[in-house]
Structures are given as C-alpha cells and as structure tokens.
Amino acid sequence: MSGVNKVILVGRLGKEPEVRNVNGAAVANFSIATSESYKDRQSGEKKEITEWHNIVVWRQLAEIVQRYVHKGDMIY
C-alpha cells in the first residue's frame, strides 16, 4: 500500500523567483522561509527557528508566480 505525504507551507519568499523555459514549459524556482517561535524552558527567553524550503513549480503556475510573487511576500 502506498502512502500520501501532504505538506502545507506558509512563509515568506526569500528572493525573487528564478523563471526559465525548459522545452517550452515555464519553470520557477524560489525559496520560502518558515519560522517557529518558542520559549526556552531553561533561560525563559523567546527563541525563533527558521527553516528554508526550496520550491519548484511548472507551466501555468510558474507564469503566475513570475507575475505576482515578489521577495518578502507571504505565500501559501
């Protein structure tokens, strides 16, 4: 039996998307920063962890990203 993995990312775009054409199809590459805040149990201070996720989208979605998504935008 095969499994299904599903991830929903909400974060900010790290830099402008890089869009190129591969065999006539648009491809966009970009990175999203997601952050998690927590309070350290020992010191009591607030800490934040940021993770970077590399994203690749193809064809029509890549064209939409090129037109509407810019560095610093919150995306889902």
N, C-alpha and C. Protein backbone atom coordinates (compact mmCIF):
# COMPACT_ATOMS: atom_id res chain seq x y z
N MET A 1 0.85 -1.18 0.00
CA MET A 1 0.00 0.00 0.00
C MET A 1 0.89 1.24 0.00
N SER A 2 0.60 2.19 -0.87
CA SER A 2 1.40 3.41 -0.92
C SER A 2 0.81 4.46 0.01
N GLY A 3 1.67 5.34 0.47
CA GLY A 3 1.25 6.41 1.36
C GLY A 3 1.17 7.73 0.63
N VAL A 4 0.55 8.68 1.28
CA VAL A 4 0.43 10.02 0.73
C VAL A 4 1.03 10.99 1.74
N ASN A 5 1.94 11.82 1.26
CA ASN A 5 2.51 12.86 2.10
C ASN A 5 1.97 14.20 1.63
N LYS A 6 1.50 15.00 2.56
CA LYS A 6 0.96 16.31 2.22
C LYS A 6 1.57 17.34 3.16
N VAL A 7 2.05 18.42 2.58
CA VAL A 7 2.65 19.49 3.36
C VAL A 7 2.02 20.80 2.93
N ILE A 8 1.67 21.63 3.90
CA ILE A 8 1.18 22.98 3.62
C ILE A 8 2.20 23.95 4.20
N LEU A 9 2.78 24.79 3.35
CA LEU A 9 3.77 25.75 3.80
C LEU A 9 3.20 27.16 3.73
N VAL A 10 3.40 27.91 4.80
CA VAL A 10 3.04 29.33 4.83
C VAL A 10 4.29 30.05 5.30
N GLY A 11 4.81 30.93 4.45
CA GLY A 11 6.03 31.63 4.80
C GLY A 11 6.30 32.79 3.86
N ARG A 12 7.49 33.34 4.02
CA ARG A 12 7.87 34.50 3.21
C ARG A 12 8.88 34.08 2.15
N LEU A 13 8.76 34.73 1.00
CA LEU A 13 9.67 34.46 -0.11
C LEU A 13 11.02 35.07 0.19
N GLY A 14 12.09 34.28 0.04
CA GLY A 14 13.44 34.73 0.38
C GLY A 14 14.07 35.64 -0.65
N LYS A 15 13.81 35.39 -1.93
CA LYS A 15 14.35 36.22 -3.01
C LYS A 15 13.41 36.12 -4.20
N GLU A 16 13.65 36.94 -5.19
CA GLU A 16 12.81 36.93 -6.39
C GLU A 16 12.84 35.55 -7.04
N PRO A 17 11.70 35.05 -7.52
CA PRO A 17 11.68 33.74 -8.20
C PRO A 17 12.54 33.77 -9.47
N GLU A 18 13.23 32.65 -9.71
CA GLU A 18 14.01 32.50 -10.94
C GLU A 18 13.14 31.70 -11.91
N VAL A 19 12.79 32.32 -13.04
CA VAL A 19 11.91 31.66 -14.01
C VAL A 19 12.69 31.43 -15.29
N ARG A 20 12.58 30.22 -15.84
CA ARG A 20 13.24 29.88 -17.10
C ARG A 20 12.32 28.97 -17.90
N ASN A 21 12.66 28.74 -19.16
CA ASN A 21 11.89 27.85 -20.02
C ASN A 21 12.68 26.58 -20.27
N VAL A 22 12.01 25.45 -20.10
CA VAL A 22 12.61 24.15 -20.37
C VAL A 22 11.71 23.46 -21.38
N ASN A 23 12.22 23.28 -22.60
CA ASN A 23 11.45 22.65 -23.68
C ASN A 23 10.08 23.31 -23.87
N GLY A 24 10.05 24.62 -23.78
CA GLY A 24 8.81 25.36 -23.99
C GLY A 24 7.92 25.49 -22.77
N ALA A 25 8.28 24.88 -21.65
CA ALA A 25 7.48 24.97 -20.43
C ALA A 25 8.18 25.88 -19.43
N ALA A 26 7.43 26.79 -18.83
CA ALA A 26 7.99 27.69 -17.82
C ALA A 26 8.24 26.92 -16.53
N VAL A 27 9.38 27.21 -15.88
CA VAL A 27 9.75 26.61 -14.60
C VAL A 27 10.20 27.72 -13.68
N ALA A 28 9.64 27.77 -12.46
CA ALA A 28 10.03 28.79 -11.48
C ALA A 28 10.62 28.11 -10.25
N ASN A 29 11.76 28.62 -9.81
CA ASN A 29 12.42 28.15 -8.58
C ASN A 29 12.42 29.30 -7.58
N PHE A 30 12.08 29.00 -6.34
CA PHE A 30 12.15 30.01 -5.28
C PHE A 30 12.25 29.33 -3.94
N SER A 31 12.57 30.09 -2.90
CA SER A 31 12.69 29.53 -1.56
C SER A 31 11.74 30.26 -0.61
N ILE A 32 11.17 29.49 0.31
CA ILE A 32 10.24 30.03 1.31
C ILE A 32 10.86 29.82 2.69
N ALA A 33 10.81 30.86 3.51
CA ALA A 33 11.28 30.78 4.89
C ALA A 33 10.07 30.59 5.81
N THR A 34 10.09 29.51 6.60
CA THR A 34 9.05 29.30 7.61
C THR A 34 9.72 29.42 8.97
N SER A 35 9.04 30.04 9.92
CA SER A 35 9.61 30.27 11.24
C SER A 35 8.72 29.70 12.33
N GLU A 36 9.38 29.27 13.39
CA GLU A 36 8.68 28.75 14.56
C GLU A 36 9.26 29.44 15.79
N SER A 37 8.39 29.99 16.64
CA SER A 37 8.83 30.66 17.86
C SER A 37 8.48 29.80 19.07
N TYR A 38 9.37 29.81 20.06
CA TYR A 38 9.10 29.09 21.29
C TYR A 38 9.84 29.76 22.44
N LYS A 39 9.45 29.42 23.66
CA LYS A 39 10.09 29.96 24.84
C LYS A 39 11.01 28.89 25.42
N ASP A 40 12.29 29.22 25.59
CA ASP A 40 13.26 28.28 26.12
C ASP A 40 12.92 27.97 27.57
N ARG A 41 12.86 26.70 27.91
CA ARG A 41 12.47 26.29 29.27
C ARG A 41 13.51 26.66 30.31
N GLN A 42 14.78 26.58 29.96
CA GLN A 42 15.84 26.86 30.94
C GLN A 42 16.06 28.35 31.14
N SER A 43 16.20 29.10 30.07
CA SER A 43 16.51 30.53 30.21
C SER A 43 15.27 31.40 30.23
N GLY A 44 14.15 30.89 29.70
CA GLY A 44 12.92 31.68 29.68
C GLY A 44 12.84 32.68 28.54
N GLU A 45 13.88 32.74 27.71
CA GLU A 45 13.86 33.72 26.62
C GLU A 45 13.17 33.14 25.38
N LYS A 46 12.63 34.04 24.57
CA LYS A 46 11.94 33.65 23.35
C LYS A 46 12.95 33.36 22.25
N LYS A 47 12.80 32.22 21.58
CA LYS A 47 13.71 31.85 20.50
C LYS A 47 12.90 31.59 19.24
N GLU A 48 13.58 31.74 18.10
CA GLU A 48 12.92 31.54 16.81
C GLU A 48 13.82 30.68 15.92
N ILE A 49 13.21 29.68 15.30
CA ILE A 49 13.91 28.81 14.36
C ILE A 49 13.34 29.05 12.97
N THR A 50 14.21 29.29 12.00
CA THR A 50 13.77 29.49 10.62
C THR A 50 14.27 28.35 9.76
N GLU A 51 13.38 27.77 8.96
CA GLU A 51 13.74 26.73 8.01
C GLU A 51 13.47 27.24 6.60
N TRP A 52 14.34 26.84 5.67
CA TRP A 52 14.20 27.24 4.27
C TRP A 52 13.75 26.04 3.45
N HIS A 53 12.80 26.27 2.54
CA HIS A 53 12.24 25.23 1.69
C HIS A 53 12.41 25.66 0.23
N ASN A 54 13.04 24.81 -0.57
CA ASN A 54 13.21 25.09 -2.00
C ASN A 54 11.99 24.56 -2.75
N ILE A 55 11.38 25.41 -3.56
CA ILE A 55 10.15 25.09 -4.27
C ILE A 55 10.38 25.21 -5.77
N VAL A 56 9.81 24.27 -6.53
CA VAL A 56 9.85 24.30 -7.99
C VAL A 56 8.42 24.15 -8.49
N VAL A 57 7.97 25.06 -9.34
CA VAL A 57 6.65 24.97 -9.96
C VAL A 57 6.79 25.05 -11.47
N TRP A 58 5.86 24.42 -12.18
CA TRP A 58 5.94 24.29 -13.63
C TRP A 58 4.76 24.95 -14.33
N ARG A 59 4.94 25.24 -15.59
CA ARG A 59 3.95 25.68 -16.56
C ARG A 59 3.15 26.90 -16.09
N GLN A 60 1.84 26.77 -16.05
CA GLN A 60 0.98 27.92 -15.78
C GLN A 60 1.21 28.49 -14.38
N LEU A 61 1.45 27.63 -13.40
CA LEU A 61 1.72 28.11 -12.05
C LEU A 61 3.02 28.90 -12.00
N ALA A 62 4.01 28.50 -12.79
CA ALA A 62 5.27 29.24 -12.86
C ALA A 62 5.05 30.64 -13.44
N GLU A 63 4.17 30.74 -14.43
CA GLU A 63 3.86 32.04 -15.02
C GLU A 63 3.14 32.94 -14.02
N ILE A 64 2.26 32.38 -13.22
CA ILE A 64 1.56 33.15 -12.18
C ILE A 64 2.56 33.64 -11.14
N VAL A 65 3.47 32.77 -10.73
CA VAL A 65 4.50 33.16 -9.76
C VAL A 65 5.34 34.29 -10.31
N GLN A 66 5.73 34.20 -11.57
CA GLN A 66 6.55 35.24 -12.20
C GLN A 66 5.84 36.59 -12.17
N ARG A 67 4.55 36.60 -12.41
CA ARG A 67 3.78 37.84 -12.49
C ARG A 67 3.48 38.46 -11.12
N TYR A 68 3.14 37.65 -10.13
CA TYR A 68 2.54 38.18 -8.91
C TYR A 68 3.35 38.01 -7.62
N VAL A 69 4.37 37.15 -7.61
CA VAL A 69 5.08 36.86 -6.36
C VAL A 69 6.44 37.56 -6.36
N HIS A 70 6.74 38.25 -5.25
CA HIS A 70 7.99 39.01 -5.14
C HIS A 70 8.63 38.79 -3.78
N LYS A 71 9.91 39.10 -3.69
CA LYS A 71 10.69 38.92 -2.47
C LYS A 71 9.96 39.54 -1.28
N GLY A 72 9.89 38.79 -0.18
CA GLY A 72 9.27 39.27 1.05
C GLY A 72 7.78 39.01 1.14
N ASP A 73 7.15 38.59 0.06
CA ASP A 73 5.70 38.31 0.09
C ASP A 73 5.41 37.09 0.94
N MET A 74 4.31 37.14 1.68
CA MET A 74 3.83 35.97 2.41
C MET A 74 3.05 35.12 1.41
N ILE A 75 3.43 33.85 1.32
CA ILE A 75 2.74 32.96 0.37
C ILE A 75 2.31 31.68 1.07
N TYR A 76 1.31 31.04 0.46
CA TYR A 76 0.69 29.82 0.99
C TYR A 76 0.74 28.77 -0.08
